[in-house]
Amino acid sequence: MNMSNIILLEEKVRLGSEPDNPKMLQSLLTLLEEADANYSKHDLKSLNLKILDLLLDAASDESVPENWRQLCMNHVFEPLHNLYRLASDDGDLSEINKIYFVISKTRMP
């Protein structure tokens, strides 16, 4: 997938522009799996944080259809799990645990 398609996909996921198309979200998450072999550990962490933020932003945006917000919230743990797997020291784990704590306290609008 080329960069312009990835950017368009990220935008569609963030805005929930196709709320009845969960395959669109799965396509974005598949990019995380495919990136594993092609990027450095640092880049993988950045990519997973970016997707995690995108999902959380979509889930908390009241202008996004409710079913899409819920779907995004249901999938935030995929990039979070990847971040745990990529953690290289206690500092990384501490940061990820903070993110997990914030997510666990997040309530859908």
N, C-alpha and C. Protein backbone atom coordinates (compact mmCIF):
# COMPACT_ATOMS: atom_id res chain seq x y z
N MET A 1 0.85 -1.17 0.00
CA MET A 1 0.00 0.00 0.00
C MET A 1 0.90 1.23 0.00
N ASN A 2 0.61 2.17 -0.88
CA ASN A 2 1.46 3.36 -0.94
C ASN A 2 1.05 4.38 0.12
N MET A 3 1.92 5.36 0.32
CA MET A 3 1.74 6.31 1.41
C MET A 3 0.44 7.10 1.31
N SER A 4 0.05 7.50 0.11
CA SER A 4 -1.18 8.28 -0.03
C SER A 4 -2.40 7.44 0.35
N ASN A 5 -2.37 6.15 0.03
CA ASN A 5 -3.47 5.27 0.43
C ASN A 5 -3.50 5.06 1.93
N ILE A 6 -2.34 4.99 2.55
CA ILE A 6 -2.26 4.84 4.01
C ILE A 6 -2.82 6.08 4.69
N ILE A 7 -2.45 7.24 4.20
CA ILE A 7 -2.95 8.49 4.78
C ILE A 7 -4.47 8.57 4.63
N LEU A 8 -4.97 8.22 3.47
CA LEU A 8 -6.42 8.22 3.25
C LEU A 8 -7.12 7.23 4.19
N LEU A 9 -6.54 6.06 4.36
CA LEU A 9 -7.09 5.05 5.26
C LEU A 9 -7.11 5.56 6.70
N GLU A 10 -6.02 6.18 7.13
CA GLU A 10 -5.96 6.75 8.48
C GLU A 10 -7.05 7.80 8.67
N GLU A 11 -7.23 8.64 7.66
CA GLU A 11 -8.25 9.69 7.75
C GLU A 11 -9.65 9.10 7.84
N LYS A 12 -9.92 8.08 7.03
CA LYS A 12 -11.23 7.44 7.06
C LYS A 12 -11.50 6.78 8.41
N VAL A 13 -10.48 6.14 8.98
CA VAL A 13 -10.64 5.51 10.29
C VAL A 13 -10.87 6.57 11.34
N ARG A 14 -10.08 7.63 11.32
CA ARG A 14 -10.20 8.68 12.33
C ARG A 14 -11.56 9.35 12.31
N LEU A 15 -12.09 9.60 11.11
CA LEU A 15 -13.37 10.30 10.97
C LEU A 15 -14.58 9.36 11.00
N GLY A 16 -14.32 8.06 10.92
CA GLY A 16 -15.44 7.11 10.89
C GLY A 16 -16.30 7.32 9.67
N SER A 17 -15.68 7.63 8.55
CA SER A 17 -16.43 7.97 7.34
C SER A 17 -17.14 6.77 6.71
N GLU A 18 -16.75 5.57 7.09
CA GLU A 18 -17.44 4.37 6.62
C GLU A 18 -17.74 3.48 7.82
N PRO A 19 -18.67 3.92 8.67
CA PRO A 19 -18.90 3.22 9.94
C PRO A 19 -19.42 1.79 9.81
N ASP A 20 -19.91 1.43 8.65
CA ASP A 20 -20.41 0.07 8.46
C ASP A 20 -19.41 -0.79 7.70
N ASN A 21 -18.14 -0.37 7.72
CA ASN A 21 -17.09 -1.09 7.00
C ASN A 21 -15.94 -1.42 7.96
N PRO A 22 -16.12 -2.42 8.82
CA PRO A 22 -15.05 -2.77 9.76
C PRO A 22 -13.78 -3.29 9.08
N LYS A 23 -13.89 -3.71 7.83
CA LYS A 23 -12.70 -4.16 7.10
C LYS A 23 -11.69 -3.02 6.93
N MET A 24 -12.21 -1.81 6.90
CA MET A 24 -11.33 -0.65 6.77
C MET A 24 -10.42 -0.55 7.99
N LEU A 25 -10.98 -0.75 9.16
CA LEU A 25 -10.19 -0.73 10.39
C LEU A 25 -9.21 -1.90 10.41
N GLN A 26 -9.67 -3.05 9.97
CA GLN A 26 -8.80 -4.22 9.94
C GLN A 26 -7.63 -4.01 8.98
N SER A 27 -7.87 -3.29 7.89
CA SER A 27 -6.78 -2.99 6.95
C SER A 27 -5.70 -2.15 7.61
N LEU A 28 -6.12 -1.20 8.43
CA LEU A 28 -5.15 -0.37 9.15
C LEU A 28 -4.36 -1.20 10.15
N LEU A 29 -5.04 -2.07 10.86
CA LEU A 29 -4.36 -2.92 11.85
C LEU A 29 -3.44 -3.94 11.17
N THR A 30 -3.80 -4.36 9.97
CA THR A 30 -2.94 -5.27 9.21
C THR A 30 -1.62 -4.60 8.86
N LEU A 31 -1.66 -3.28 8.66
CA LEU A 31 -0.42 -2.56 8.38
C LEU A 31 0.58 -2.72 9.52
N LEU A 32 0.06 -2.77 10.76
CA LEU A 32 0.95 -2.97 11.91
C LEU A 32 1.64 -4.32 11.83
N GLU A 33 0.89 -5.34 11.45
CA GLU A 33 1.47 -6.68 11.33
C GLU A 33 2.51 -6.74 10.22
N GLU A 34 2.19 -6.12 9.09
CA GLU A 34 3.10 -6.14 7.95
C GLU A 34 4.36 -5.31 8.22
N ALA A 35 4.24 -4.29 9.02
CA ALA A 35 5.38 -3.42 9.31
C ALA A 35 6.44 -4.12 10.15
N ASP A 36 6.04 -5.16 10.88
CA ASP A 36 6.96 -5.85 11.78
C ASP A 36 8.29 -6.22 11.14
N ALA A 37 8.25 -6.71 9.94
CA ALA A 37 9.47 -7.19 9.30
C ALA A 37 10.26 -6.09 8.60
N ASN A 38 9.65 -4.93 8.42
CA ASN A 38 10.27 -3.92 7.57
C ASN A 38 10.81 -2.69 8.30
N TYR A 39 10.59 -2.59 9.60
CA TYR A 39 10.95 -1.37 10.32
C TYR A 39 11.82 -1.69 11.54
N SER A 40 12.54 -0.66 11.99
CA SER A 40 13.32 -0.80 13.21
C SER A 40 12.37 -0.84 14.41
N LYS A 41 12.88 -1.28 15.54
CA LYS A 41 12.08 -1.34 16.76
C LYS A 41 11.55 0.05 17.13
N HIS A 42 12.39 1.06 17.01
CA HIS A 42 11.98 2.44 17.31
C HIS A 42 10.83 2.88 16.40
N ASP A 43 10.94 2.59 15.09
CA ASP A 43 9.88 2.97 14.15
C ASP A 43 8.59 2.21 14.42
N LEU A 44 8.72 0.94 14.81
CA LEU A 44 7.54 0.15 15.14
C LEU A 44 6.81 0.71 16.36
N LYS A 45 7.60 1.15 17.36
CA LYS A 45 6.99 1.76 18.54
C LYS A 45 6.23 3.02 18.13
N SER A 46 6.86 3.85 17.31
CA SER A 46 6.22 5.09 16.86
C SER A 46 4.95 4.81 16.08
N LEU A 47 5.00 3.84 15.20
CA LEU A 47 3.83 3.49 14.39
C LEU A 47 2.69 2.99 15.27
N ASN A 48 3.00 2.13 16.22
CA ASN A 48 1.96 1.61 17.12
C ASN A 48 1.37 2.72 17.99
N LEU A 49 2.20 3.64 18.46
CA LEU A 49 1.69 4.79 19.22
C LEU A 49 0.79 5.66 18.37
N LYS A 50 1.17 5.85 17.12
CA LYS A 50 0.36 6.66 16.20
C LYS A 50 -1.01 6.02 15.98
N ILE A 51 -1.04 4.72 15.74
CA ILE A 51 -2.32 4.02 15.51
C ILE A 51 -3.14 4.01 16.79
N LEU A 52 -2.49 3.81 17.92
CA LEU A 52 -3.19 3.84 19.20
C LEU A 52 -3.85 5.20 19.42
N ASP A 53 -3.11 6.27 19.18
CA ASP A 53 -3.66 7.62 19.33
C ASP A 53 -4.82 7.86 18.37
N LEU A 54 -4.67 7.38 17.15
CA LEU A 54 -5.72 7.54 16.14
C LEU A 54 -7.00 6.84 16.59
N LEU A 55 -6.87 5.62 17.10
CA LEU A 55 -8.04 4.87 17.57
C LEU A 55 -8.69 5.55 18.77
N LEU A 56 -7.87 6.03 19.70
CA LEU A 56 -8.41 6.72 20.87
C LEU A 56 -9.08 8.04 20.49
N ASP A 57 -8.50 8.76 19.55
CA ASP A 57 -9.11 10.00 19.09
C ASP A 57 -10.47 9.73 18.44
N ALA A 58 -10.53 8.71 17.61
CA ALA A 58 -11.80 8.37 16.96
C ALA A 58 -12.83 7.93 17.99
N ALA A 59 -12.39 7.14 18.96
CA ALA A 59 -13.31 6.61 19.98
C ALA A 59 -13.88 7.71 20.87
N SER A 60 -13.14 8.78 21.04
CA SER A 60 -13.60 9.84 21.95
C SER A 60 -14.27 11.01 21.23
N ASP A 61 -14.35 10.97 19.93
CA ASP A 61 -14.93 12.06 19.14
C ASP A 61 -16.43 11.84 18.96
N GLU A 62 -17.23 12.69 19.57
CA GLU A 62 -18.68 12.55 19.52
C GLU A 62 -19.26 12.76 18.14
N SER A 63 -18.50 13.34 17.21
CA SER A 63 -19.01 13.53 15.85
C SER A 63 -18.87 12.25 15.01
N VAL A 64 -18.14 11.28 15.53
CA VAL A 64 -17.96 9.99 14.86
C VAL A 64 -19.14 9.09 15.25
N PRO A 65 -19.70 8.33 14.29
CA PRO A 65 -20.81 7.44 14.63
C PRO A 65 -20.47 6.51 15.80
N GLU A 66 -21.44 6.30 16.66
CA GLU A 66 -21.22 5.55 17.90
C GLU A 66 -20.69 4.14 17.66
N ASN A 67 -21.23 3.44 16.66
CA ASN A 67 -20.75 2.08 16.42
C ASN A 67 -19.28 2.07 16.01
N TRP A 68 -18.84 3.11 15.30
CA TRP A 68 -17.42 3.20 14.89
C TRP A 68 -16.54 3.52 16.09
N ARG A 69 -17.02 4.41 16.95
CA ARG A 69 -16.26 4.74 18.15
C ARG A 69 -16.05 3.49 19.00
N GLN A 70 -17.11 2.69 19.14
CA GLN A 70 -17.00 1.46 19.93
C GLN A 70 -16.04 0.47 19.28
N LEU A 71 -16.12 0.35 17.97
CA LEU A 71 -15.22 -0.56 17.25
C LEU A 71 -13.76 -0.13 17.45
N CYS A 72 -13.50 1.16 17.37
CA CYS A 72 -12.13 1.66 17.58
C CYS A 72 -11.67 1.36 19.00
N MET A 73 -12.55 1.60 19.96
CA MET A 73 -12.19 1.34 21.37
C MET A 73 -11.91 -0.15 21.59
N ASN A 74 -12.66 -1.00 20.91
CA ASN A 74 -12.46 -2.44 21.04
C ASN A 74 -11.11 -2.90 20.49
N HIS A 75 -10.52 -2.08 19.64
CA HIS A 75 -9.26 -2.48 19.00
C HIS A 75 -8.02 -1.74 19.51
N VAL A 76 -8.17 -0.87 20.50
CA VAL A 76 -6.99 -0.14 20.99
C VAL A 76 -5.96 -1.07 21.62
N PHE A 77 -6.39 -2.24 22.03
CA PHE A 77 -5.46 -3.13 22.71
C PHE A 77 -4.51 -3.85 21.76
N GLU A 78 -4.80 -3.82 20.46
CA GLU A 78 -3.86 -4.43 19.52
C GLU A 78 -2.55 -3.65 19.44
N PRO A 79 -2.59 -2.34 19.18
CA PRO A 79 -1.30 -1.62 19.20
C PRO A 79 -0.70 -1.56 20.61
N LEU A 80 -1.54 -1.54 21.64
CA LEU A 80 -1.02 -1.53 23.01
C LEU A 80 -0.27 -2.83 23.30
N HIS A 81 -0.83 -3.95 22.88
CA HIS A 81 -0.15 -5.24 23.04
C HIS A 81 1.19 -5.24 22.30
N ASN A 82 1.19 -4.68 21.10
CA ASN A 82 2.44 -4.60 20.33
C ASN A 82 3.48 -3.77 21.08
N LEU A 83 3.04 -2.70 21.72
CA LEU A 83 3.98 -1.86 22.48
C LEU A 83 4.59 -2.63 23.64
N TYR A 84 3.78 -3.44 24.32
CA TYR A 84 4.33 -4.29 25.40
C TYR A 84 5.38 -5.24 24.83
N ARG A 85 5.08 -5.81 23.69
CA ARG A 85 6.01 -6.75 23.06
C ARG A 85 7.31 -6.07 22.64
N LEU A 86 7.22 -4.81 22.24
CA LEU A 86 8.39 -4.06 21.77
C LEU A 86 9.17 -3.39 22.89
N ALA A 87 8.62 -3.39 24.09
CA ALA A 87 9.29 -2.73 25.22
C ALA A 87 10.67 -3.34 25.44
N SER A 88 11.65 -2.44 25.66
CA SER A 88 13.01 -2.94 25.82
C SER A 88 13.57 -2.72 27.22
N ASP A 89 12.84 -1.96 28.05
CA ASP A 89 13.34 -1.75 29.42
C ASP A 89 12.18 -1.36 30.34
N ASP A 90 12.50 -1.19 31.60
CA ASP A 90 11.47 -0.85 32.59
C ASP A 90 10.83 0.51 32.30
N GLY A 91 11.58 1.43 31.75
CA GLY A 91 11.04 2.74 31.40
C GLY A 91 9.94 2.63 30.35
N ASP A 92 10.19 1.79 29.33
CA ASP A 92 9.17 1.54 28.30
C ASP A 92 7.92 0.94 28.93
N LEU A 93 8.12 -0.06 29.78
CA LEU A 93 6.98 -0.71 30.42
C LEU A 93 6.19 0.26 31.29
N SER A 94 6.89 1.14 31.98
CA SER A 94 6.22 2.13 32.82
C SER A 94 5.35 3.06 31.97
N GLU A 95 5.88 3.51 30.84
CA GLU A 95 5.11 4.39 29.96
C GLU A 95 3.88 3.67 29.40
N ILE A 96 4.05 2.44 29.01
CA ILE A 96 2.94 1.66 28.46
C ILE A 96 1.88 1.42 29.54
N ASN A 97 2.32 1.14 30.76
CA ASN A 97 1.38 0.94 31.86
C ASN A 97 0.58 2.22 32.13
N LYS A 98 1.21 3.38 31.98
CA LYS A 98 0.50 4.65 32.14
C LYS A 98 -0.58 4.80 31.07
N ILE A 99 -0.22 4.45 29.83
CA ILE A 99 -1.20 4.52 28.74
C ILE A 99 -2.36 3.57 29.02
N TYR A 100 -2.03 2.36 29.44
CA TYR A 100 -3.07 1.37 29.76
C TYR A 100 -3.99 1.90 30.86
N PHE A 101 -3.42 2.53 31.89
CA PHE A 101 -4.22 3.06 32.98
C PHE A 101 -5.18 4.13 32.45
N VAL A 102 -4.68 5.04 31.61
CA VAL A 102 -5.53 6.08 31.04
C VAL A 102 -6.66 5.45 30.21
N ILE A 103 -6.33 4.45 29.41
CA ILE A 103 -7.36 3.78 28.60
C ILE A 103 -8.39 3.11 29.49
N SER A 104 -7.94 2.49 30.56
CA SER A 104 -8.88 1.78 31.44
C SER A 104 -9.86 2.73 32.12
N LYS A 105 -9.47 4.00 32.26
CA LYS A 105 -10.34 5.01 32.89
C LYS A 105 -11.16 5.79 31.86
N THR A 106 -10.91 5.54 30.57
CA THR A 106 -11.60 6.27 29.52
C THR A 106 -13.04 5.79 29.40
N ARG A 107 -13.93 6.73 29.36
CA ARG A 107 -15.35 6.43 29.17
C ARG A 107 -15.77 6.98 27.82
N MET A 108 -16.57 6.22 27.15
CA MET A 108 -17.09 6.67 25.86
C MET A 108 -18.03 7.85 26.08
N PRO A 109 -17.93 8.88 25.22
CA PRO A 109 -18.83 10.02 25.36
C PRO A 109 -20.29 9.63 25.10
